[in-house]
């Protein structure tokens, strides 16, 4: 049975303020975990995953990493020779991304920006990438429209996400997982985000595919095997909710 999603708004904050506050308080530990992930076997798995979809990989592409967090995708793609800019609505996350990029001598650049309101001109990028972002957007339809706007015709969106909210109370308990050391208070705030957002009640990724088709994408395909392939081991990076890929060509 799925959770019932009553759209609960924090009494003193709007949705984006509440979500930004949550990620701000998670930023430091989140950044440390992403640094460890870049030193783990997950690095090769994600590098191979991304490069398997990237066209013209023999030249430097303009890539926008949306909701970049501590810069995990940005670092990988920059090290592959691409021109990468990461954006996140949370300033503390951008601080973590800059620190990680400096530590790894990475050329990626970063700025604070709302994934639903991009300040770039149309057709600026060849590729948009995102990981675990869409599930915590108040207006994902607006976000998708913006992402399509800023990539060139024939450009690519690689959006990796999961139905984190659906049945989250009934997930099997794993020995190790990505939230293993997250405080109870932060877990409660995360669950509040699940319940406050409409996207939590959508059937995904079918909803994503239908919306993107309506928005005029020339091709939308779904890969539901990403989670089982990359997160097969129950380690500190493990995500028990199966991750999927929404792959879009403009």
Protein backbone atom coordinates (compact mmCIF):
# COMPACT_ATOMS: atom_id res chain seq x y z
CA UNK A 1 0.00 0.00 0.00
CA UNK A 2 1.35 3.40 -0.95
CA UNK A 3 1.72 6.21 1.56
CA UNK A 4 -1.01 8.82 1.51
CA UNK A 5 0.46 12.12 0.45
CA UNK A 6 -1.27 15.01 2.15
CA UNK A 7 0.53 18.13 1.00
CA UNK A 8 1.83 19.34 4.34
CA UNK A 9 3.58 22.70 4.25
CA UNK A 10 5.88 23.61 7.11
CA UNK A 11 3.94 26.20 9.14
CA UNK A 12 6.67 28.84 8.98
CA UNK A 13 8.25 28.24 5.60
CA UNK A 14 7.28 27.74 1.99
CA UNK A 15 8.33 24.61 0.11
CA UNK A 16 11.58 25.83 -1.39
CA UNK A 17 12.75 27.47 1.82
CA UNK A 18 12.07 24.28 3.75
CA UNK A 19 13.83 22.09 1.17
CA UNK A 20 16.82 24.43 0.93
CA UNK A 21 17.15 24.47 4.72
CA UNK A 22 17.13 20.68 4.82
CA UNK A 23 19.90 20.34 2.23
CA UNK A 24 21.86 23.17 3.82
CA UNK A 25 22.00 21.24 7.07
CA UNK A 26 23.01 18.06 5.24
CA UNK A 27 25.61 19.72 3.02
CA UNK A 28 28.81 19.08 4.97
CA UNK A 29 28.26 15.37 5.57
CA UNK A 30 26.80 14.98 2.09
CA UNK A 31 29.94 16.51 0.60
CA UNK A 32 32.16 14.15 2.58
CA UNK A 33 30.16 11.16 1.34
CA UNK A 34 30.40 12.29 -2.27
CA UNK A 35 34.18 12.67 -1.90
CA UNK A 36 34.34 9.09 -0.65
CA UNK A 37 32.11 7.93 -3.51
CA UNK A 38 34.56 9.44 -5.99
CA UNK A 39 37.27 7.24 -4.45
CA UNK A 40 35.13 4.09 -4.52
CA UNK A 41 34.19 1.54 -7.17
CA UNK A 42 31.11 3.69 -7.87
CA UNK A 43 33.32 6.16 -9.75
CA UNK A 44 33.96 3.74 -12.63
CA UNK A 45 30.36 2.55 -12.64
CA UNK A 46 29.03 6.09 -12.95
CA UNK A 47 31.71 7.16 -15.43
CA UNK A 48 30.87 4.20 -17.66
CA UNK A 49 27.16 4.87 -17.25
CA UNK A 50 27.43 8.52 -18.28
CA UNK A 51 29.81 7.97 -21.18
CA UNK A 52 27.59 5.22 -22.59
CA UNK A 53 24.96 7.89 -23.34
CA UNK A 54 27.12 10.86 -24.33
CA UNK A 55 27.37 11.59 -28.04
CA UNK A 56 30.49 13.17 -29.60
CA UNK A 57 32.50 12.06 -26.58
CA UNK A 58 35.73 12.80 -28.44
CA UNK A 59 35.14 16.56 -28.12
CA UNK A 60 34.49 18.87 -25.20
CA UNK A 61 30.78 19.33 -24.63
CA UNK A 62 28.94 22.05 -22.71
CA UNK A 63 27.24 20.28 -19.81
CA UNK A 64 24.92 21.67 -17.12
CA UNK A 65 24.74 19.67 -13.88
CA UNK A 66 21.41 20.56 -12.27
CA UNK A 67 21.01 20.18 -8.52
CA UNK A 68 24.69 19.35 -8.49
CA UNK A 69 24.95 19.04 -4.72
CA UNK A 70 28.61 18.57 -3.83
CA UNK A 71 29.57 18.22 -7.50
CA UNK A 72 29.72 14.44 -8.01
CA UNK A 73 28.61 14.41 -11.67
CA UNK A 74 30.36 17.71 -12.35
CA UNK A 75 33.69 16.29 -11.20
CA UNK A 76 33.36 13.10 -13.25
CA UNK A 77 32.37 14.91 -16.44
CA UNK A 78 34.96 17.66 -16.03
CA UNK A 79 37.69 15.05 -15.61
CA UNK A 80 36.53 13.54 -18.90
CA UNK A 81 37.38 16.84 -20.60
CA UNK A 82 33.97 18.49 -20.82
CA UNK A 83 33.08 22.07 -19.91
CA UNK A 84 30.80 21.65 -16.92
CA UNK A 85 28.80 24.11 -14.85
CA UNK A 86 26.94 22.89 -11.78
CA UNK A 87 24.01 24.69 -10.17
CA UNK A 88 22.23 24.14 -6.87
CA UNK A 89 19.69 26.19 -4.96
CA UNK A 90 21.55 25.55 -1.69
CA UNK A 91 24.57 27.85 -1.14
CA UNK A 92 26.17 25.41 1.31
CA UNK A 93 26.12 22.72 -1.36
CA UNK A 94 27.87 25.03 -3.81
CA UNK A 95 30.52 25.66 -1.14
CA UNK A 96 31.01 21.89 -0.86
CA UNK A 97 31.21 21.54 -4.65
CA UNK A 98 33.86 24.25 -4.93
CA UNK A 99 35.91 22.68 -2.15
CA UNK A 100 35.75 19.25 -3.76
CA UNK A 101 36.65 20.65 -7.18
CA UNK A 102 39.64 22.49 -5.70
CA UNK A 103 40.81 19.37 -3.87
CA UNK A 104 40.68 17.31 -7.06
CA UNK A 105 42.05 20.06 -9.33
CA UNK A 106 38.80 19.98 -11.28
CA UNK A 107 37.85 22.71 -13.78
CA UNK A 108 34.09 22.59 -13.21
CA UNK A 109 32.42 25.84 -12.16
CA UNK A 110 29.43 26.30 -9.88
CA UNK A 111 26.75 28.82 -8.98
CA UNK A 112 23.66 29.12 -6.82
CA UNK A 113 20.57 28.81 -9.00
CA UNK A 114 17.03 27.44 -8.95
CA UNK A 115 16.52 24.35 -11.13
CA UNK A 116 13.06 25.68 -12.01
CA UNK A 117 14.31 29.14 -13.06
CA UNK A 118 17.56 28.96 -15.01
CA UNK A 119 19.34 32.19 -15.92
CA UNK A 120 20.93 30.80 -19.10
CA UNK A 121 19.99 31.67 -22.67
CA UNK A 122 18.17 29.12 -24.80
CA UNK A 123 20.32 26.46 -26.53
CA UNK A 124 23.33 27.14 -24.28
CA UNK A 125 24.23 23.53 -23.44
CA UNK A 126 24.75 20.24 -25.24
CA UNK A 127 23.73 18.13 -22.25
CA UNK A 128 21.86 18.49 -18.96
CA UNK A 129 22.51 15.93 -16.22
CA UNK A 130 20.82 15.49 -12.84
CA UNK A 131 20.90 12.91 -10.06
CA UNK A 132 18.31 12.60 -7.28
CA UNK A 133 16.93 16.08 -7.95
CA UNK A 134 13.47 15.88 -9.49
CA UNK A 135 11.83 14.15 -6.53
CA UNK A 136 12.30 17.26 -4.37
CA UNK A 137 11.14 19.92 -6.83
CA UNK A 138 7.86 21.74 -6.10
CA UNK A 139 7.25 22.36 -9.83
CA UNK A 140 8.95 19.58 -11.81
CA UNK A 141 6.94 20.40 -14.94
CA UNK A 142 8.40 23.90 -14.95
CA UNK A 143 11.87 22.47 -14.32
CA UNK A 144 11.66 20.08 -17.27
CA UNK A 145 10.53 22.92 -19.54
CA UNK A 146 13.54 24.97 -18.44
CA UNK A 147 15.96 22.08 -18.94
CA UNK A 148 14.69 21.57 -22.48
CA UNK A 149 14.95 25.30 -23.17
CA UNK A 150 18.65 25.55 -22.31
CA UNK A 151 19.86 22.59 -24.39
CA UNK A 152 20.42 22.91 -28.11
CA UNK A 153 18.26 21.10 -30.68
CA UNK A 154 19.39 17.48 -30.63
CA UNK A 155 20.77 18.00 -27.13
CA UNK A 156 20.47 15.47 -24.34
CA UNK A 157 18.99 15.28 -20.83
CA UNK A 158 20.12 12.48 -18.52
CA UNK A 159 17.94 12.60 -15.41
CA UNK A 160 18.63 9.94 -12.78
CA UNK A 161 15.99 9.79 -10.08
CA UNK A 162 13.85 7.44 -7.99
CA UNK A 163 10.44 7.32 -6.35
CA UNK A 164 11.97 8.04 -2.95
CA UNK A 165 8.63 8.90 -1.36
CA UNK A 166 6.58 5.93 -2.52
CA UNK A 167 6.29 3.26 0.19
CA UNK A 168 9.30 4.69 2.01
CA UNK A 169 7.94 3.48 5.34
CA UNK A 170 7.84 -0.08 4.07
CA UNK A 171 11.32 -0.38 2.57
CA UNK A 172 13.38 -3.33 3.82
CA UNK A 173 15.93 -2.37 6.43
CA UNK A 174 19.44 -2.46 4.97
CA UNK A 175 22.55 -2.93 7.03
CA UNK A 176 24.27 -0.09 5.21
CA UNK A 177 22.72 2.69 3.13
CA UNK A 178 23.18 6.34 2.17
CA UNK A 179 21.08 7.60 5.11
CA UNK A 180 22.75 5.37 7.66
CA UNK A 181 24.33 8.25 9.58
CA UNK A 182 21.72 10.92 8.88
CA UNK A 183 20.20 12.18 12.13
CA UNK A 184 16.63 11.34 13.07
CA UNK A 185 15.69 15.01 12.86
CA UNK A 186 16.96 15.26 9.28
CA UNK A 187 15.21 12.02 8.34
CA UNK A 188 11.94 13.47 9.64
CA UNK A 189 12.49 16.63 7.62
CA UNK A 190 13.21 14.52 4.54
CA UNK A 191 9.93 12.67 5.07
CA UNK A 192 8.16 16.02 5.40
CA UNK A 193 9.49 16.89 1.94
CA UNK A 194 8.07 13.60 0.65
CA UNK A 195 4.63 14.54 1.93
CA UNK A 196 4.62 18.21 0.97
CA UNK A 197 5.28 17.75 -2.76
CA UNK A 198 2.79 16.72 -5.43
CA UNK A 199 5.42 14.75 -7.36
CA UNK A 200 5.39 12.19 -4.54
CA UNK A 201 1.93 11.08 -5.65
CA UNK A 202 2.82 10.71 -9.34
CA UNK A 203 3.49 7.35 -10.96
CA UNK A 204 7.03 7.66 -12.15
CA UNK A 205 8.85 7.53 -14.47
CA UNK A 206 5.70 7.20 -16.63
CA UNK A 207 4.66 10.70 -15.57
CA UNK A 208 8.05 12.09 -16.65
CA UNK A 209 7.82 10.46 -20.07
CA UNK A 210 4.28 11.72 -20.71
CA UNK A 211 5.13 15.27 -19.65
CA UNK A 212 8.33 15.49 -21.68
CA UNK A 213 6.51 14.19 -24.75
CA UNK A 214 3.90 16.92 -24.29
CA UNK A 215 6.69 19.48 -23.93
CA UNK A 216 7.93 18.55 -27.40
CA UNK A 217 10.93 16.30 -26.77
CA UNK A 218 11.80 14.35 -29.89
CA UNK A 219 12.66 11.22 -27.90
CA UNK A 220 12.07 10.05 -24.33
CA UNK A 221 13.26 6.67 -23.08
CA UNK A 222 13.34 5.07 -19.65
CA UNK A 223 15.96 2.76 -18.16
CA UNK A 224 14.69 1.18 -14.91
CA UNK A 225 17.86 -0.87 -14.37
CA UNK A 226 20.23 1.86 -13.14
CA UNK A 227 19.70 1.20 -9.44
CA UNK A 228 20.20 -2.57 -9.57
CA UNK A 229 23.28 -2.13 -11.76
CA UNK A 230 25.07 0.60 -9.81
CA UNK A 231 23.76 0.06 -6.29
CA UNK A 232 23.85 -3.73 -6.15
CA UNK A 233 26.03 -3.68 -3.04
CA UNK A 234 24.56 -2.58 0.30
CA UNK A 235 27.33 -0.18 1.25
CA UNK A 236 27.38 3.38 2.57
CA UNK A 237 26.28 4.68 -0.86
CA UNK A 238 23.43 2.19 -1.23
CA UNK A 239 19.99 3.53 -2.20
CA UNK A 240 17.25 0.96 -1.51
CA UNK A 241 14.74 2.68 -3.81
CA UNK A 242 15.40 1.57 -7.43
CA UNK A 243 16.91 4.41 -9.45
CA UNK A 244 15.79 4.98 -13.04
CA UNK A 245 17.06 7.08 -15.94
CA UNK A 246 14.88 9.44 -17.94
CA UNK A 247 16.82 10.02 -21.18
CA UNK A 248 15.59 12.86 -23.36
CA UNK A 249 16.63 14.14 -26.77
CA UNK A 250 15.39 17.61 -27.69
